[in-house]
Amino acid sequence: MRVKKSKYLLSYKEEDEYLIINIYTNQIYALDKFSSFIWEEFDKTPIVSDISKLIAKRTNEDILIIQKDLDGFLNSLSKGGLIKFV
């Protein structure tokens, strides 16, 4: 599964965190440091399984737990109109 960012976004980065505005819905989303890392990875690696592997490698956590958490995060972004699955 691949992830694509919506074209209706404005983003502002402050240090390691993002504020993202969906200009279509006028909703504002704040991403913490780790979520911002994942957000930036979408530009480099839009394949969800590759992002899971990268996180597992960096954190030494179980890949199944990471996949479950990442799926929840991605579903939240999708419901907010920030990403779509392609």
C-alpha atoms as a PDB file:
ATOM      1  CA  MET A   1       0.000   0.000   0.000  1.00  0.00           C
ATOM      2  CA  ARG A   2       1.210   3.477  -0.876  1.00  0.00           C
ATOM      3  CA  VAL A   3       0.440   6.823   0.719  1.00  0.00           C
ATOM      4  CA  LYS A   4      -0.016  10.111  -1.081  1.00  0.00           C
ATOM      5  CA  LYS A   5      -0.330  13.498   0.614  1.00  0.00           C
ATOM      6  CA  SER A   6      -3.344  15.607  -0.241  1.00  0.00           C
ATOM      7  CA  LYS A   7      -2.791  18.586  -2.517  1.00  0.00           C
ATOM      8  CA  TYR A   8      -5.005  20.733  -0.265  1.00  0.00           C
ATOM      9  CA  LEU A   9      -2.442  21.189   2.498  1.00  0.00           C
ATOM     10  CA  LEU A  10      -0.322  23.945   3.922  1.00  0.00           C
ATOM     11  CA  SER A  11       2.376  22.906   6.348  1.00  0.00           C
ATOM     12  CA  TYR A  12       4.612  24.754   8.727  1.00  0.00           C
ATOM     13  CA  LYS A  13       7.613  23.140  10.375  1.00  0.00           C
ATOM     14  CA  GLU A  14       8.932  24.405  13.702  1.00  0.00           C
ATOM     15  CA  GLU A  15      12.044  22.547  14.821  1.00  0.00           C
ATOM     16  CA  ASP A  16      10.990  18.864  14.571  1.00  0.00           C
ATOM     17  CA  GLU A  17       7.223  19.302  14.566  1.00  0.00           C
ATOM     18  CA  TYR A  18       4.638  20.169  11.928  1.00  0.00           C
ATOM     19  CA  LEU A  19       1.417  22.119  11.854  1.00  0.00           C
ATOM     20  CA  ILE A  20      -0.630  21.036   8.863  1.00  0.00           C
ATOM     21  CA  ILE A  21      -3.689  22.872   7.589  1.00  0.00           C
ATOM     22  CA  ASN A  22      -6.174  21.157   5.341  1.00  0.00           C
ATOM     23  CA  ILE A  23      -7.274  24.175   3.304  1.00  0.00           C
ATOM     24  CA  TYR A  24     -10.271  22.269   1.959  1.00  0.00           C
ATOM     25  CA  THR A  25     -11.753  21.635   5.438  1.00  0.00           C
ATOM     26  CA  ASN A  26      -9.973  24.425   7.384  1.00  0.00           C
ATOM     27  CA  GLN A  27      -8.820  21.871   9.963  1.00  0.00           C
ATOM     28  CA  ILE A  28      -5.437  22.222  11.670  1.00  0.00           C
ATOM     29  CA  TYR A  29      -3.364  19.231  12.744  1.00  0.00           C
ATOM     30  CA  ALA A  30      -0.285  19.215  14.968  1.00  0.00           C
ATOM     31  CA  LEU A  31       2.262  16.444  14.568  1.00  0.00           C
ATOM     32  CA  ASP A  32       4.718  15.633  17.312  1.00  0.00           C
ATOM     33  CA  LYS A  33       8.362  14.849  16.614  1.00  0.00           C
ATOM     34  CA  PHE A  34       7.849  11.173  15.778  1.00  0.00           C
ATOM     35  CA  SER A  35       4.718  11.771  13.687  1.00  0.00           C
ATOM     36  CA  SER A  36       6.606  14.504  11.837  1.00  0.00           C
ATOM     37  CA  PHE A  37       9.374  12.023  11.065  1.00  0.00           C
ATOM     38  CA  ILE A  38       6.798   9.703   9.490  1.00  0.00           C
ATOM     39  CA  TRP A  39       5.221  12.632   7.617  1.00  0.00           C
ATOM     40  CA  GLU A  40       8.592  13.496   6.069  1.00  0.00           C
ATOM     41  CA  GLU A  41       9.216   9.854   5.154  1.00  0.00           C
ATOM     42  CA  PHE A  42       6.121   9.879   2.931  1.00  0.00           C
ATOM     43  CA  ASP A  43       8.067  12.097   0.527  1.00  0.00           C
ATOM     44  CA  LYS A  44      10.965   9.640   0.403  1.00  0.00           C
ATOM     45  CA  THR A  45       9.198   6.311   0.906  1.00  0.00           C
ATOM     46  CA  PRO A  46       5.453   6.329   0.227  1.00  0.00           C
ATOM     47  CA  ILE A  47       5.218   2.552   0.719  1.00  0.00           C
ATOM     48  CA  VAL A  48       3.728   1.775   4.129  1.00  0.00           C
ATOM     49  CA  SER A  49       5.599  -1.509   4.641  1.00  0.00           C
ATOM     50  CA  ASP A  50       8.922   0.249   3.976  1.00  0.00           C
ATOM     51  CA  ILE A  51       8.097   2.912   6.548  1.00  0.00           C
ATOM     52  CA  SER A  52       7.215   0.185   9.088  1.00  0.00           C
ATOM     53  CA  LYS A  53      10.571  -1.501   8.487  1.00  0.00           C
ATOM     54  CA  LEU A  54      12.433   1.792   8.849  1.00  0.00           C
ATOM     55  CA  ILE A  55      10.718   2.539  12.159  1.00  0.00           C
ATOM     56  CA  ALA A  56      11.419  -0.994  13.427  1.00  0.00           C
ATOM     57  CA  LYS A  57      15.081  -0.618  12.528  1.00  0.00           C
ATOM     58  CA  ARG A  58      15.382   2.782  14.254  1.00  0.00           C
ATOM     59  CA  THR A  59      13.472   1.804  17.407  1.00  0.00           C
ATOM     60  CA  ASN A  60      14.236  -1.928  17.762  1.00  0.00           C
ATOM     61  CA  GLU A  61      10.514  -2.520  18.336  1.00  0.00           C
ATOM     62  CA  ASP A  62       8.436  -5.459  17.129  1.00  0.00           C
ATOM     63  CA  ILE A  63       7.350  -4.922  13.514  1.00  0.00           C
ATOM     64  CA  LEU A  64       3.797  -6.156  14.223  1.00  0.00           C
ATOM     65  CA  ILE A  65       3.288  -3.556  16.945  1.00  0.00           C
ATOM     66  CA  ILE A  66       4.714  -0.863  14.685  1.00  0.00           C
ATOM     67  CA  GLN A  67       2.439  -1.868  11.814  1.00  0.00           C
ATOM     68  CA  LYS A  68      -0.614  -1.730  14.062  1.00  0.00           C
ATOM     69  CA  ASP A  69       0.335   1.699  15.445  1.00  0.00           C
ATOM     70  CA  LEU A  70       1.251   3.007  12.001  1.00  0.00           C
ATOM     71  CA  ASP A  71      -2.062   1.795  10.566  1.00  0.00           C
ATOM     72  CA  GLY A  72      -3.908   3.717  13.282  1.00  0.00           C
ATOM     73  CA  PHE A  73      -1.893   6.853  12.591  1.00  0.00           C
ATOM     74  CA  LEU A  74      -2.413   6.577   8.842  1.00  0.00           C
ATOM     75  CA  ASN A  75      -6.144   6.037   9.270  1.00  0.00           C
ATOM     76  CA  SER A  76      -6.300   9.214  11.376  1.00  0.00           C
ATOM     77  CA  LEU A  77      -4.470  11.153   8.667  1.00  0.00           C
ATOM     78  CA  SER A  78      -6.759   9.707   6.022  1.00  0.00           C
ATOM     79  CA  LYS A  79      -9.930  10.629   7.949  1.00  0.00           C
ATOM     80  CA  GLY A  80      -8.553  14.168   8.273  1.00  0.00           C
ATOM     81  CA  GLY A  81      -8.055  14.353   4.517  1.00  0.00           C
ATOM     82  CA  LEU A  82      -4.288  14.715   4.841  1.00  0.00           C
ATOM     83  CA  ILE A  83      -3.414  11.560   2.915  1.00  0.00           C
ATOM     84  CA  LYS A  84      -5.008   9.008   0.663  1.00  0.00           C
ATOM     85  CA  PHE A  85      -4.095   5.411  -0.003  1.00  0.00           C
ATOM     86  CA  VAL A  86      -3.153   4.608  -3.574  1.00  0.00           C
END
